Amino acid sequence: ARHWTAYATWPMPDRIAFAIVAVWLLASALLVPARMLGDAGEYLLMGESLVRHFTPDARPADIVALADKLQRQGTPLNFAPMLEIYFEASDTRLYCYHFWGYSLVATPAKVLLRVAGWHDVRALQVTNALLFLLTVHQVLSARSFARNTRRVLAAILVLSPVAWYVLWPHPEAACASGVLLALLWSREGRHVPAVLAASLATMQTPPLILLVA
C-alpha cells in the first residue's frame, strides 16, 4: 500500500507541483472536446460498441449513438473513411483492424463520464491523463532514486512530448506510460506490476512483447 499512498509523505513542494499537473491534465481532458485525428474515430467506435453490447463489432446503433455524441460536443465526424477499415467477418459482423484493447481499457472512464452526465467521448483522453499521472506519481514515489533525481525525472516527463499527446484519443501516450511504468517497477523489483504495465503497452504496440519477456 505504501507505493500508492506515498503522496502523503512527499515534501510539500512535490505535492503542490503534482496537484498542479493533475489539475492541468484532468481539466484539459474533461473540458477539451475529443479531436478526430488519425485513428481516433475507430477507437471511439470500438469503445461505444464495447459499452453497448460488450463486443467490439460495429453495429448501426453504435454508429448512430457515437455520431450523436460527437455532434452534441460540436465535433462532427465523417464516418465513411473510418468504416473503410472495418471488415466483415464470417458471421457478417464488422470488425476494425485495430486491436480493441485500448478502447477496452478506457471503458471504465467512459462509464463514469456517462453516469456523471459528461461527454463520454472524452474517455480516451481522460484515460491517457490518468495513466500519465500514475506514471508521474510513481516516479516521485520511487525509492530507488534520490529525491532530487525523482524531481528531475518527473520534470522531464511532464515537459516531454508525451504530455502534449495525452489529449490525443490515440494509444501512443498510454503505451508510453505503460513502458515507463514497466521500466520503473522493474528497477524497483516489482516484477508482476512491471509485466502488467508492459503488457498493456504491448496490446497496441506488439514489438514491446520483448519488454514483457
N, C-alpha and C. Protein backbone atom coordinates (compact mmCIF):
# COMPACT_ATOMS: atom_id res chain seq x y z
N ALA A 1 0.83 -1.21 0.00
CA ALA A 1 0.00 0.00 0.00
C ALA A 1 0.86 1.26 0.00
N ARG A 2 2.08 1.18 0.53
CA ARG A 2 2.91 2.38 0.63
C ARG A 2 3.23 2.96 -0.74
N HIS A 3 3.24 2.11 -1.79
CA HIS A 3 3.54 2.61 -3.12
C HIS A 3 2.45 3.54 -3.63
N TRP A 4 1.23 3.35 -3.14
CA TRP A 4 0.10 4.13 -3.66
C TRP A 4 -0.29 5.27 -2.72
N THR A 5 0.15 5.22 -1.48
CA THR A 5 -0.19 6.27 -0.52
C THR A 5 1.00 7.17 -0.22
N ALA A 6 2.07 7.04 -1.01
CA ALA A 6 3.29 7.80 -0.74
C ALA A 6 3.08 9.30 -0.85
N TYR A 7 2.04 9.73 -1.56
CA TYR A 7 1.79 11.17 -1.75
C TYR A 7 1.78 11.92 -0.43
N ALA A 8 1.19 11.31 0.58
CA ALA A 8 1.07 11.98 1.88
C ALA A 8 2.42 12.20 2.54
N THR A 9 3.43 11.45 2.13
CA THR A 9 4.75 11.58 2.74
C THR A 9 5.69 12.47 1.93
N TRP A 10 5.24 12.93 0.77
CA TRP A 10 6.11 13.78 -0.06
C TRP A 10 6.31 15.14 0.61
N PRO A 11 7.41 15.81 0.31
CA PRO A 11 7.58 17.20 0.74
C PRO A 11 6.49 18.07 0.10
N MET A 12 6.14 19.14 0.78
CA MET A 12 5.06 20.00 0.29
C MET A 12 5.27 20.50 -1.15
N PRO A 13 6.49 20.92 -1.54
CA PRO A 13 6.66 21.38 -2.93
C PRO A 13 6.31 20.31 -3.96
N ASP A 14 6.65 19.05 -3.66
CA ASP A 14 6.33 17.96 -4.58
C ASP A 14 4.82 17.76 -4.68
N ARG A 15 4.14 17.84 -3.53
CA ARG A 15 2.69 17.67 -3.54
C ARG A 15 2.00 18.78 -4.32
N ILE A 16 2.46 20.00 -4.13
CA ILE A 16 1.85 21.13 -4.84
C ILE A 16 2.08 21.00 -6.34
N ALA A 17 3.31 20.65 -6.72
CA ALA A 17 3.64 20.52 -8.14
C ALA A 17 2.80 19.42 -8.79
N PHE A 18 2.68 18.29 -8.11
CA PHE A 18 1.88 17.19 -8.66
C PHE A 18 0.41 17.59 -8.77
N ALA A 19 -0.11 18.29 -7.76
CA ALA A 19 -1.50 18.72 -7.80
C ALA A 19 -1.75 19.67 -8.98
N ILE A 20 -0.81 20.55 -9.25
CA ILE A 20 -0.95 21.48 -10.38
C ILE A 20 -0.99 20.72 -11.69
N VAL A 21 -0.08 19.75 -11.84
CA VAL A 21 -0.06 18.94 -13.07
C VAL A 21 -1.34 18.14 -13.21
N ALA A 22 -1.83 17.58 -12.09
CA ALA A 22 -3.06 16.79 -12.13
C ALA A 22 -4.25 17.63 -12.54
N VAL A 23 -4.38 18.81 -11.97
CA VAL A 23 -5.49 19.69 -12.32
C VAL A 23 -5.40 20.10 -13.79
N TRP A 24 -4.19 20.44 -14.23
CA TRP A 24 -3.99 20.84 -15.63
C TRP A 24 -4.41 19.74 -16.59
N LEU A 25 -3.93 18.52 -16.36
CA LEU A 25 -4.21 17.44 -17.29
C LEU A 25 -5.66 16.98 -17.23
N LEU A 26 -6.19 16.80 -16.03
CA LEU A 26 -7.56 16.29 -15.92
C LEU A 26 -8.58 17.33 -16.38
N ALA A 27 -8.34 18.59 -16.05
CA ALA A 27 -9.25 19.63 -16.52
C ALA A 27 -9.23 19.72 -18.04
N SER A 28 -8.05 19.61 -18.62
CA SER A 28 -7.94 19.64 -20.08
C SER A 28 -8.65 18.44 -20.69
N ALA A 29 -8.44 17.26 -20.10
CA ALA A 29 -9.07 16.04 -20.64
C ALA A 29 -10.58 16.10 -20.56
N LEU A 30 -11.09 16.72 -19.51
CA LEU A 30 -12.55 16.79 -19.33
C LEU A 30 -13.20 17.91 -20.14
N LEU A 31 -12.47 18.99 -20.38
CA LEU A 31 -13.07 20.17 -20.99
C LEU A 31 -12.78 20.32 -22.48
N VAL A 32 -11.65 19.80 -22.93
CA VAL A 32 -11.31 19.94 -24.34
C VAL A 32 -12.08 18.90 -25.15
N PRO A 33 -12.82 19.30 -26.18
CA PRO A 33 -13.56 18.32 -26.99
C PRO A 33 -12.63 17.28 -27.60
N ALA A 34 -13.12 16.05 -27.70
CA ALA A 34 -12.34 14.99 -28.34
C ALA A 34 -12.08 15.38 -29.79
N ARG A 35 -10.82 15.27 -30.20
CA ARG A 35 -10.45 15.65 -31.56
C ARG A 35 -10.34 14.41 -32.44
N MET A 36 -10.92 14.50 -33.61
CA MET A 36 -10.93 13.36 -34.52
C MET A 36 -9.68 13.38 -35.39
N LEU A 37 -8.58 12.91 -34.82
CA LEU A 37 -7.30 12.90 -35.51
C LEU A 37 -6.89 11.46 -35.77
N GLY A 38 -6.40 11.19 -36.97
CA GLY A 38 -5.90 9.86 -37.28
C GLY A 38 -6.94 8.78 -37.07
N ASP A 39 -6.63 7.83 -36.19
CA ASP A 39 -7.49 6.67 -35.97
C ASP A 39 -8.45 6.85 -34.79
N ALA A 40 -8.61 8.07 -34.32
CA ALA A 40 -9.44 8.31 -33.14
C ALA A 40 -10.85 7.76 -33.31
N GLY A 41 -11.43 7.96 -34.49
CA GLY A 41 -12.81 7.52 -34.72
C GLY A 41 -12.99 6.04 -34.49
N GLU A 42 -12.02 5.23 -34.95
CA GLU A 42 -12.14 3.78 -34.79
C GLU A 42 -12.09 3.39 -33.31
N TYR A 43 -11.17 4.00 -32.57
CA TYR A 43 -11.08 3.67 -31.14
C TYR A 43 -12.33 4.12 -30.39
N LEU A 44 -12.87 5.27 -30.77
CA LEU A 44 -14.11 5.73 -30.14
C LEU A 44 -15.27 4.82 -30.47
N LEU A 45 -15.34 4.38 -31.72
CA LEU A 45 -16.45 3.50 -32.11
C LEU A 45 -16.34 2.14 -31.43
N MET A 46 -15.13 1.60 -31.33
CA MET A 46 -14.97 0.32 -30.62
C MET A 46 -15.35 0.47 -29.15
N GLY A 47 -15.00 1.61 -28.55
CA GLY A 47 -15.40 1.86 -27.16
C GLY A 47 -16.90 1.92 -27.01
N GLU A 48 -17.56 2.59 -27.95
CA GLU A 48 -19.03 2.67 -27.92
C GLU A 48 -19.63 1.27 -28.04
N SER A 49 -19.07 0.45 -28.92
CA SER A 49 -19.58 -0.91 -29.11
C SER A 49 -19.38 -1.75 -27.85
N LEU A 50 -18.20 -1.64 -27.24
CA LEU A 50 -17.92 -2.43 -26.03
C LEU A 50 -18.86 -2.09 -24.89
N VAL A 51 -19.17 -0.82 -24.73
CA VAL A 51 -20.07 -0.41 -23.65
C VAL A 51 -21.51 -0.80 -23.95
N ARG A 52 -21.89 -0.74 -25.21
CA ARG A 52 -23.29 -1.01 -25.57
C ARG A 52 -23.63 -2.51 -25.58
N HIS A 53 -22.71 -3.35 -26.09
CA HIS A 53 -23.06 -4.78 -26.18
C HIS A 53 -21.88 -5.70 -25.85
N PHE A 54 -20.83 -5.17 -25.23
CA PHE A 54 -19.70 -5.95 -24.70
C PHE A 54 -18.90 -6.68 -25.79
N THR A 55 -19.01 -6.26 -27.02
CA THR A 55 -18.21 -6.80 -28.12
C THR A 55 -17.74 -5.62 -28.97
N PRO A 56 -16.60 -5.76 -29.67
CA PRO A 56 -16.06 -4.62 -30.42
C PRO A 56 -16.60 -4.47 -31.84
N ASP A 57 -17.52 -5.32 -32.27
CA ASP A 57 -18.04 -5.20 -33.64
C ASP A 57 -18.97 -4.00 -33.75
N ALA A 58 -18.86 -3.31 -34.87
CA ALA A 58 -19.66 -2.09 -35.09
C ALA A 58 -21.05 -2.45 -35.59
N ARG A 59 -22.05 -1.89 -34.94
CA ARG A 59 -23.44 -2.08 -35.34
C ARG A 59 -24.05 -0.72 -35.65
N PRO A 60 -25.10 -0.71 -36.48
CA PRO A 60 -25.70 0.58 -36.86
C PRO A 60 -26.05 1.46 -35.67
N ALA A 61 -26.56 0.89 -34.60
CA ALA A 61 -26.94 1.68 -33.43
C ALA A 61 -25.71 2.31 -32.77
N ASP A 62 -24.56 1.62 -32.81
CA ASP A 62 -23.33 2.17 -32.25
C ASP A 62 -22.91 3.42 -33.02
N ILE A 63 -22.99 3.32 -34.34
CA ILE A 63 -22.58 4.44 -35.20
C ILE A 63 -23.47 5.65 -34.97
N VAL A 64 -24.77 5.40 -34.89
CA VAL A 64 -25.72 6.49 -34.66
C VAL A 64 -25.47 7.14 -33.31
N ALA A 65 -25.25 6.33 -32.28
CA ALA A 65 -25.03 6.86 -30.93
C ALA A 65 -23.76 7.70 -30.88
N LEU A 66 -22.67 7.21 -31.48
CA LEU A 66 -21.42 7.96 -31.47
C LEU A 66 -21.55 9.25 -32.26
N ALA A 67 -22.20 9.18 -33.40
CA ALA A 67 -22.39 10.40 -34.22
C ALA A 67 -23.17 11.45 -33.45
N ASP A 68 -24.19 11.02 -32.71
CA ASP A 68 -24.99 11.96 -31.92
C ASP A 68 -24.16 12.61 -30.83
N LYS A 69 -23.32 11.82 -30.15
CA LYS A 69 -22.49 12.36 -29.07
C LYS A 69 -21.46 13.35 -29.60
N LEU A 70 -20.85 13.00 -30.71
CA LEU A 70 -19.86 13.92 -31.29
C LEU A 70 -20.51 15.21 -31.75
N GLN A 71 -21.72 15.09 -32.31
CA GLN A 71 -22.44 16.28 -32.76
C GLN A 71 -22.76 17.18 -31.57
N ARG A 72 -23.15 16.57 -30.44
CA ARG A 72 -23.52 17.36 -29.26
C ARG A 72 -22.32 18.07 -28.64
N GLN A 73 -21.12 17.50 -28.79
CA GLN A 73 -19.94 18.19 -28.26
C GLN A 73 -19.32 19.09 -29.32
N GLY A 74 -19.97 19.17 -30.49
CA GLY A 74 -19.50 20.08 -31.53
C GLY A 74 -18.40 19.53 -32.40
N THR A 75 -18.29 18.21 -32.48
CA THR A 75 -17.25 17.59 -33.31
C THR A 75 -17.87 16.57 -34.24
N PRO A 76 -18.43 17.00 -35.35
CA PRO A 76 -18.99 16.03 -36.30
C PRO A 76 -17.89 15.18 -36.92
N LEU A 77 -18.23 13.96 -37.28
CA LEU A 77 -17.24 13.02 -37.82
C LEU A 77 -17.73 12.44 -39.13
N ASN A 78 -16.86 12.41 -40.11
CA ASN A 78 -17.16 11.74 -41.38
C ASN A 78 -16.88 10.25 -41.20
N PHE A 79 -17.94 9.46 -41.13
CA PHE A 79 -17.78 8.04 -40.84
C PHE A 79 -17.33 7.22 -42.04
N ALA A 80 -17.45 7.76 -43.25
CA ALA A 80 -17.16 6.98 -44.44
C ALA A 80 -15.73 6.43 -44.46
N PRO A 81 -14.69 7.29 -44.33
CA PRO A 81 -13.33 6.74 -44.36
C PRO A 81 -13.03 5.84 -43.16
N MET A 82 -13.65 6.11 -42.02
CA MET A 82 -13.42 5.30 -40.84
C MET A 82 -13.94 3.88 -41.05
N LEU A 83 -15.12 3.77 -41.61
CA LEU A 83 -15.73 2.45 -41.79
C LEU A 83 -15.06 1.64 -42.89
N GLU A 84 -14.21 2.30 -43.69
CA GLU A 84 -13.49 1.56 -44.73
C GLU A 84 -12.49 0.57 -44.14
N ILE A 85 -12.06 0.79 -42.90
CA ILE A 85 -11.11 -0.15 -42.29
C ILE A 85 -11.81 -1.09 -41.32
N TYR A 86 -13.13 -1.17 -41.42
CA TYR A 86 -13.90 -2.23 -40.77
C TYR A 86 -14.16 -3.31 -41.81
N PHE A 87 -13.98 -4.55 -41.42
CA PHE A 87 -14.11 -5.65 -42.37
C PHE A 87 -15.13 -6.68 -41.86
N GLU A 88 -15.80 -7.29 -42.81
CA GLU A 88 -16.85 -8.25 -42.46
C GLU A 88 -16.24 -9.61 -42.14
N ALA A 89 -16.61 -10.14 -40.99
CA ALA A 89 -16.15 -11.46 -40.58
C ALA A 89 -17.06 -12.53 -41.17
N SER A 90 -16.74 -13.78 -40.93
CA SER A 90 -17.53 -14.89 -41.49
C SER A 90 -18.96 -14.90 -40.95
N ASP A 91 -19.17 -14.27 -39.78
CA ASP A 91 -20.52 -14.20 -39.21
C ASP A 91 -21.24 -12.91 -39.62
N THR A 92 -20.66 -12.18 -40.58
CA THR A 92 -21.19 -10.94 -41.16
C THR A 92 -21.04 -9.73 -40.24
N ARG A 93 -20.44 -9.90 -39.04
CA ARG A 93 -20.21 -8.75 -38.17
C ARG A 93 -19.02 -7.93 -38.68
N LEU A 94 -19.02 -6.64 -38.36
CA LEU A 94 -17.98 -5.73 -38.82
C LEU A 94 -16.97 -5.48 -37.71
N TYR A 95 -15.70 -5.77 -37.98
CA TYR A 95 -14.64 -5.57 -37.01
C TYR A 95 -13.56 -4.67 -37.59
N CYS A 96 -13.02 -3.80 -36.74
CA CYS A 96 -11.93 -2.91 -37.14
C CYS A 96 -10.61 -3.67 -37.12
N TYR A 97 -9.67 -3.26 -38.00
CA TYR A 97 -8.38 -3.95 -37.96
C TYR A 97 -7.48 -3.46 -36.85
N HIS A 98 -7.86 -2.40 -36.15
CA HIS A 98 -7.14 -2.01 -34.94
C HIS A 98 -7.57 -2.91 -33.79
N PHE A 99 -6.62 -3.22 -32.90
CA PHE A 99 -6.97 -4.03 -31.74
C PHE A 99 -7.82 -3.20 -30.77
N TRP A 100 -8.73 -3.86 -30.09
CA TRP A 100 -9.70 -3.17 -29.25
C TRP A 100 -9.24 -3.01 -27.79
N GLY A 101 -7.99 -3.41 -27.49
CA GLY A 101 -7.55 -3.37 -26.10
C GLY A 101 -7.55 -1.97 -25.49
N TYR A 102 -7.08 -0.99 -26.26
CA TYR A 102 -7.03 0.38 -25.75
C TYR A 102 -8.44 0.90 -25.47
N SER A 103 -9.36 0.61 -26.37
CA SER A 103 -10.75 1.03 -26.14
C SER A 103 -11.34 0.36 -24.91
N LEU A 104 -10.96 -0.91 -24.69
CA LEU A 104 -11.45 -1.62 -23.51
C LEU A 104 -10.91 -1.00 -22.23
N VAL A 105 -9.63 -0.64 -22.22
CA VAL A 105 -9.02 -0.02 -21.04
C VAL A 105 -9.73 1.28 -20.68
N ALA A 106 -10.26 1.98 -21.71
CA ALA A 106 -10.91 3.27 -21.48
C ALA A 106 -12.39 3.14 -21.11
N THR A 107 -12.94 1.93 -21.10
CA THR A 107 -14.37 1.80 -20.81
C THR A 107 -14.75 2.21 -19.38
N PRO A 108 -13.91 1.96 -18.35
CA PRO A 108 -14.31 2.46 -17.02
C PRO A 108 -14.50 3.97 -17.01
N ALA A 109 -13.58 4.70 -17.64
CA ALA A 109 -13.72 6.16 -17.71
C ALA A 109 -14.96 6.54 -18.50
N LYS A 110 -15.24 5.80 -19.55
CA LYS A 110 -16.42 6.09 -20.38
C LYS A 110 -17.70 5.91 -19.57
N VAL A 111 -17.76 4.84 -18.80
CA VAL A 111 -18.95 4.58 -17.98
C VAL A 111 -19.10 5.65 -16.91
N LEU A 112 -18.02 6.01 -16.24
CA LEU A 112 -18.09 7.03 -15.18
C LEU A 112 -18.49 8.39 -15.74
N LEU A 113 -17.95 8.74 -16.90
CA LEU A 113 -18.33 10.02 -17.51
C LEU A 113 -19.81 10.02 -17.89
N ARG A 114 -20.28 8.89 -18.39
CA ARG A 114 -21.69 8.80 -18.76
C ARG A 114 -22.58 8.94 -17.53
N VAL A 115 -22.22 8.28 -16.44
CA VAL A 115 -23.00 8.37 -15.20
C VAL A 115 -23.00 9.80 -14.68
N ALA A 116 -21.87 10.50 -14.83
CA ALA A 116 -21.76 11.87 -14.35
C ALA A 116 -22.43 12.88 -15.28
N GLY A 117 -22.95 12.42 -16.41
CA GLY A 117 -23.58 13.32 -17.35
C GLY A 117 -22.61 14.13 -18.18
N TRP A 118 -21.35 13.63 -18.28
CA TRP A 118 -20.31 14.33 -19.04
C TRP A 118 -20.23 13.72 -20.43
N HIS A 119 -19.45 14.35 -21.32
CA HIS A 119 -19.26 13.82 -22.66
C HIS A 119 -18.37 12.58 -22.59
N ASP A 120 -18.97 11.40 -22.75
CA ASP A 120 -18.16 10.19 -22.58
C ASP A 120 -17.25 9.91 -23.78
N VAL A 121 -17.36 10.71 -24.86
CA VAL A 121 -16.41 10.56 -25.96
C VAL A 121 -15.03 11.05 -25.56
N ARG A 122 -14.91 11.66 -24.40
CA ARG A 122 -13.61 12.12 -23.91
C ARG A 122 -12.92 11.07 -23.03
N ALA A 123 -13.47 9.86 -23.02
CA ALA A 123 -12.94 8.80 -22.15
C ALA A 123 -11.51 8.43 -22.50
N LEU A 124 -11.16 8.46 -23.78
CA LEU A 124 -9.80 8.08 -24.18
C LEU A 124 -8.78 9.07 -23.64
N GLN A 125 -9.08 10.36 -23.77
CA GLN A 125 -8.11 11.35 -23.28
C GLN A 125 -8.08 11.39 -21.75
N VAL A 126 -9.20 11.11 -21.11
CA VAL A 126 -9.20 11.02 -19.64
C VAL A 126 -8.35 9.83 -19.19
N THR A 127 -8.49 8.71 -19.89
CA THR A 127 -7.68 7.52 -19.57
C THR A 127 -6.20 7.81 -19.77
N ASN A 128 -5.86 8.47 -20.87
CA ASN A 128 -4.46 8.85 -21.11
C ASN A 128 -3.94 9.71 -19.96
N ALA A 129 -4.75 10.68 -19.53
CA ALA A 129 -4.33 11.59 -18.46
C ALA A 129 -4.12 10.83 -17.16
N LEU A 130 -5.02 9.91 -16.82
CA LEU A 130 -4.89 9.16 -15.58
C LEU A 130 -3.65 8.27 -15.59
N LEU A 131 -3.38 7.61 -16.71
CA LEU A 131 -2.20 6.76 -16.80
C LEU A 131 -0.92 7.60 -16.72
N PHE A 132 -0.94 8.76 -17.34
CA PHE A 132 0.23 9.64 -17.29
C PHE A 132 0.46 10.13 -15.86
N LEU A 133 -0.60 10.51 -15.17
CA LEU A 133 -0.47 10.97 -13.79
C LEU A 133 0.01 9.85 -12.87
N LEU A 134 -0.46 8.63 -13.13
CA LEU A 134 0.03 7.48 -12.37
C LEU A 134 1.54 7.33 -12.55
N THR A 135 2.01 7.54 -13.78
CA THR A 135 3.44 7.43 -14.06
C THR A 135 4.23 8.49 -13.31
N VAL A 136 3.75 9.74 -13.34
CA VAL A 136 4.43 10.81 -12.61
C VAL A 136 4.43 10.51 -11.12
N HIS A 137 3.29 10.05 -10.61
CA HIS A 137 3.18 9.71 -9.19
C HIS A 137 4.21 8.65 -8.80
N GLN A 138 4.34 7.61 -9.63
CA GLN A 138 5.27 6.54 -9.30
C GLN A 138 6.73 6.97 -9.41
N VAL A 139 7.03 7.88 -10.33
CA VAL A 139 8.39 8.42 -10.42
C VAL A 139 8.72 9.17 -9.14
N LEU A 140 7.79 10.01 -8.69
CA LEU A 140 8.04 10.80 -7.49
C LEU A 140 8.04 9.94 -6.22
N SER A 141 7.49 8.73 -6.31
CA SER A 141 7.45 7.84 -5.14
C SER A 141 8.57 6.80 -5.16
N ALA A 142 9.34 6.75 -6.25
CA ALA A 142 10.37 5.71 -6.40
C ALA A 142 11.42 5.80 -5.30
N ARG A 143 11.64 4.69 -4.64
CA ARG A 143 12.63 4.66 -3.55
C ARG A 143 14.03 4.33 -4.05
N SER A 144 14.13 3.92 -5.32
CA SER A 144 15.44 3.56 -5.85
C SER A 144 16.19 4.77 -6.40
N PHE A 145 15.57 5.96 -6.33
CA PHE A 145 16.22 7.20 -6.76
C PHE A 145 16.30 8.16 -5.59
N ALA A 146 17.31 9.01 -5.59
CA ALA A 146 17.37 10.09 -4.61
C ALA A 146 16.25 11.09 -4.91
N ARG A 147 15.88 11.88 -3.90
CA ARG A 147 14.74 12.79 -4.05
C ARG A 147 14.91 13.74 -5.23
N ASN A 148 16.08 14.36 -5.34
CA ASN A 148 16.29 15.31 -6.43
C ASN A 148 16.27 14.62 -7.79
N THR A 149 16.74 13.39 -7.85
CA THR A 149 16.68 12.63 -9.10
C THR A 149 15.23 12.38 -9.49
N ARG A 150 14.40 12.03 -8.51
CA ARG A 150 12.98 11.84 -8.79
C ARG A 150 12.36 13.10 -9.37
N ARG A 151 12.70 14.24 -8.77
CA ARG A 151 12.13 15.51 -9.24
C ARG A 151 12.55 15.81 -10.67
N VAL A 152 13.82 15.57 -10.97
CA VAL A 152 14.31 15.83 -12.33
C VAL A 152 13.61 14.91 -13.32
N LEU A 153 13.50 13.63 -12.98
CA LEU A 153 12.84 12.68 -13.88
C LEU A 153 11.37 13.05 -14.09
N ALA A 154 10.68 13.44 -13.01
CA ALA A 154 9.28 13.84 -13.13
C ALA A 154 9.14 15.08 -14.00
N ALA A 155 10.06 16.04 -13.83
CA ALA A 155 10.02 17.26 -14.63
C ALA A 155 10.25 16.95 -16.11
N ILE A 156 11.22 16.06 -16.38
CA ILE A 156 11.47 15.66 -17.77
C ILE A 156 10.22 15.02 -18.37
N LEU A 157 9.55 14.19 -17.59
CA LEU A 157 8.34 13.52 -18.08
C LEU A 157 7.23 14.52 -18.37
N VAL A 158 7.01 15.45 -17.45
CA VAL A 158 5.93 16.43 -17.62
C VAL A 158 6.20 17.36 -18.79
N LEU A 159 7.47 17.65 -19.04
CA LEU A 159 7.84 18.56 -20.13
C LEU A 159 8.11 17.82 -21.44
N SER A 160 7.98 16.52 -21.43
CA SER A 160 8.27 15.72 -22.63
C SER A 160 7.11 15.78 -23.62
N PRO A 161 7.33 15.36 -24.86
CA PRO A 161 6.23 15.32 -25.84
C PRO A 161 5.07 14.41 -25.42
N VAL A 162 5.35 13.42 -24.55
CA VAL A 162 4.27 12.52 -24.12
C VAL A 162 3.12 13.31 -23.51
N ALA A 163 3.45 14.31 -22.68
CA ALA A 163 2.40 15.09 -22.01
C ALA A 163 1.52 15.81 -23.01
N TRP A 164 2.10 16.24 -24.13
CA TRP A 164 1.33 17.01 -25.11
C TRP A 164 0.49 16.12 -26.02
N TYR A 165 0.73 14.81 -25.95
CA TYR A 165 -0.10 13.87 -26.72
C TYR A 165 -1.19 13.22 -25.88
N VAL A 166 -1.26 13.57 -24.62
CA VAL A 166 -2.26 12.97 -23.73
C VAL A 166 -3.68 13.22 -24.24
N LEU A 167 -3.92 14.39 -24.82
CA LEU A 167 -5.27 14.73 -25.27
C LEU A 167 -5.61 14.14 -26.64
N TRP A 168 -4.67 13.46 -27.26
CA TRP A 168 -5.00 12.75 -28.49
C TRP A 168 -5.76 11.47 -28.12
N PRO A 169 -6.92 11.22 -28.72
CA PRO A 169 -7.65 9.97 -28.44
C PRO A 169 -7.00 8.80 -29.18
N HIS A 170 -5.74 8.57 -28.87
CA HIS A 170 -4.90 7.56 -29.50
C HIS A 170 -4.14 6.81 -28.41
N PRO A 171 -3.62 5.62 -28.70
CA PRO A 171 -2.95 4.84 -27.66
C PRO A 171 -1.49 5.20 -27.40
N GLU A 172 -0.91 6.14 -28.17
CA GLU A 172 0.53 6.39 -28.02
C GLU A 172 0.91 6.83 -26.61
N ALA A 173 0.18 7.79 -26.06
CA ALA A 173 0.51 8.28 -24.71
C ALA A 173 0.33 7.18 -23.66
N ALA A 174 -0.73 6.38 -23.82
CA ALA A 174 -0.97 5.28 -22.88
C ALA A 174 0.14 4.24 -22.97
N CYS A 175 0.60 3.96 -24.20
CA CYS A 175 1.70 3.00 -24.38
C CYS A 175 2.98 3.53 -23.75
N ALA A 176 3.25 4.82 -23.93
CA ALA A 176 4.45 5.41 -23.33
C ALA A 176 4.39 5.30 -21.81
N SER A 177 3.23 5.56 -21.23
CA SER A 177 3.09 5.43 -19.77
C SER A 177 3.33 3.99 -19.33
N GLY A 178 2.79 3.04 -20.10
CA GLY A 178 2.99 1.63 -19.77
C GLY A 178 4.46 1.23 -19.79
N VAL A 179 5.19 1.70 -20.80
CA VAL A 179 6.62 1.39 -20.90
C VAL A 179 7.38 2.00 -19.73
N LEU A 180 7.11 3.26 -19.42
CA LEU A 180 7.83 3.93 -18.33
C LEU A 180 7.53 3.26 -16.99
N LEU A 181 6.27 2.89 -16.77
CA LEU A 181 5.93 2.20 -15.52
C LEU A 181 6.62 0.84 -15.45
N ALA A 182 6.67 0.13 -16.58
CA ALA A 182 7.32 -1.18 -16.59
C ALA A 182 8.80 -1.06 -16.25
N LEU A 183 9.47 -0.07 -16.83
CA LEU A 183 10.90 0.11 -16.54
C LEU A 183 11.13 0.51 -15.08
N LEU A 184 10.28 1.41 -14.59
CA LEU A 184 10.44 1.88 -13.21
C LEU A 184 10.18 0.75 -12.22
N TRP A 185 9.07 0.04 -12.40
CA TRP A 185 8.71 -1.03 -11.46
C TRP A 185 9.70 -2.18 -11.54
N SER A 186 10.23 -2.45 -12.74
CA SER A 186 11.24 -3.50 -12.86
C SER A 186 12.49 -3.12 -12.08
N ARG A 187 12.89 -1.86 -12.16
CA ARG A 187 14.06 -1.39 -11.42
C ARG A 187 13.85 -1.56 -9.92
N GLU A 188 12.60 -1.37 -9.48
CA GLU A 188 12.32 -1.47 -8.05
C GLU A 188 11.99 -2.88 -7.59
N GLY A 189 12.12 -3.85 -8.51
CA GLY A 189 11.88 -5.24 -8.14
C GLY A 189 10.43 -5.63 -8.06
N ARG A 190 9.55 -4.80 -8.59
CA ARG A 190 8.11 -5.09 -8.56
C ARG A 190 7.74 -5.72 -9.90
N HIS A 191 8.07 -6.99 -10.07
CA HIS A 191 8.04 -7.60 -11.39
C HIS A 191 6.64 -7.87 -11.91
N VAL A 192 5.72 -8.23 -11.05
CA VAL A 192 4.36 -8.52 -11.53
C VAL A 192 3.69 -7.27 -12.11
N PRO A 193 3.64 -6.14 -11.37
CA PRO A 193 3.07 -4.93 -11.99
C PRO A 193 3.88 -4.46 -13.19
N ALA A 194 5.19 -4.71 -13.21
CA ALA A 194 6.01 -4.32 -14.36
C ALA A 194 5.57 -5.07 -15.60
N VAL A 195 5.35 -6.37 -15.46
CA VAL A 195 4.89 -7.17 -16.60
C VAL A 195 3.50 -6.74 -17.04
N LEU A 196 2.62 -6.43 -16.10
CA LEU A 196 1.27 -5.99 -16.45
C LEU A 196 1.31 -4.66 -17.20
N ALA A 197 2.17 -3.74 -16.77
CA ALA A 197 2.28 -2.45 -17.45
C ALA A 197 2.83 -2.62 -18.85
N ALA A 198 3.85 -3.46 -19.00
CA ALA A 198 4.41 -3.73 -20.33
C ALA A 198 3.39 -4.42 -21.22
N SER A 199 2.59 -5.29 -20.64
CA SER A 199 1.56 -5.99 -21.41
C SER A 199 0.50 -5.02 -21.91
N LEU A 200 0.15 -4.05 -21.09
CA LEU A 200 -0.82 -3.03 -21.50
C LEU A 200 -0.30 -2.29 -22.74
N ALA A 201 0.97 -1.92 -22.72
CA ALA A 201 1.54 -1.23 -23.87
C ALA A 201 1.63 -2.15 -25.08
N THR A 202 1.92 -3.43 -24.84
CA THR A 202 2.07 -4.38 -25.94
C THR A 202 0.78 -4.61 -26.70
N MET A 203 -0.36 -4.45 -26.03
CA MET A 203 -1.65 -4.66 -26.69
C MET A 203 -1.79 -3.79 -27.93
N GLN A 204 -1.20 -2.59 -27.92
CA GLN A 204 -1.31 -1.68 -29.06
C GLN A 204 0.00 -1.52 -29.82
N THR A 205 1.12 -1.98 -29.22
CA THR A 205 2.42 -1.87 -29.88
C THR A 205 3.10 -3.23 -29.76
N PRO A 206 2.78 -4.19 -30.63
CA PRO A 206 3.23 -5.57 -30.50
C PRO A 206 4.73 -5.77 -30.30
N PRO A 207 5.64 -4.97 -30.93
CA PRO A 207 7.07 -5.22 -30.71
C PRO A 207 7.48 -5.10 -29.24
N LEU A 208 6.67 -4.45 -28.41
CA LEU A 208 7.02 -4.33 -26.99
C LEU A 208 6.90 -5.66 -26.24
N ILE A 209 6.49 -6.72 -26.94
CA ILE A 209 6.47 -8.04 -26.31
C ILE A 209 7.85 -8.41 -25.80
N LEU A 210 8.90 -7.84 -26.43
CA LEU A 210 10.27 -8.09 -25.96
C LEU A 210 10.46 -7.52 -24.56
N LEU A 211 9.82 -6.39 -24.28
CA LEU A 211 9.91 -5.79 -22.94
C LEU A 211 9.20 -6.68 -21.92
N VAL A 212 8.08 -7.27 -22.31
CA VAL A 212 7.38 -8.19 -21.42
C VAL A 212 8.29 -9.36 -21.07
N ALA A 213 8.97 -9.91 -22.08
CA ALA A 213 9.88 -11.04 -21.84
C ALA A 213 11.01 -10.66 -20.90
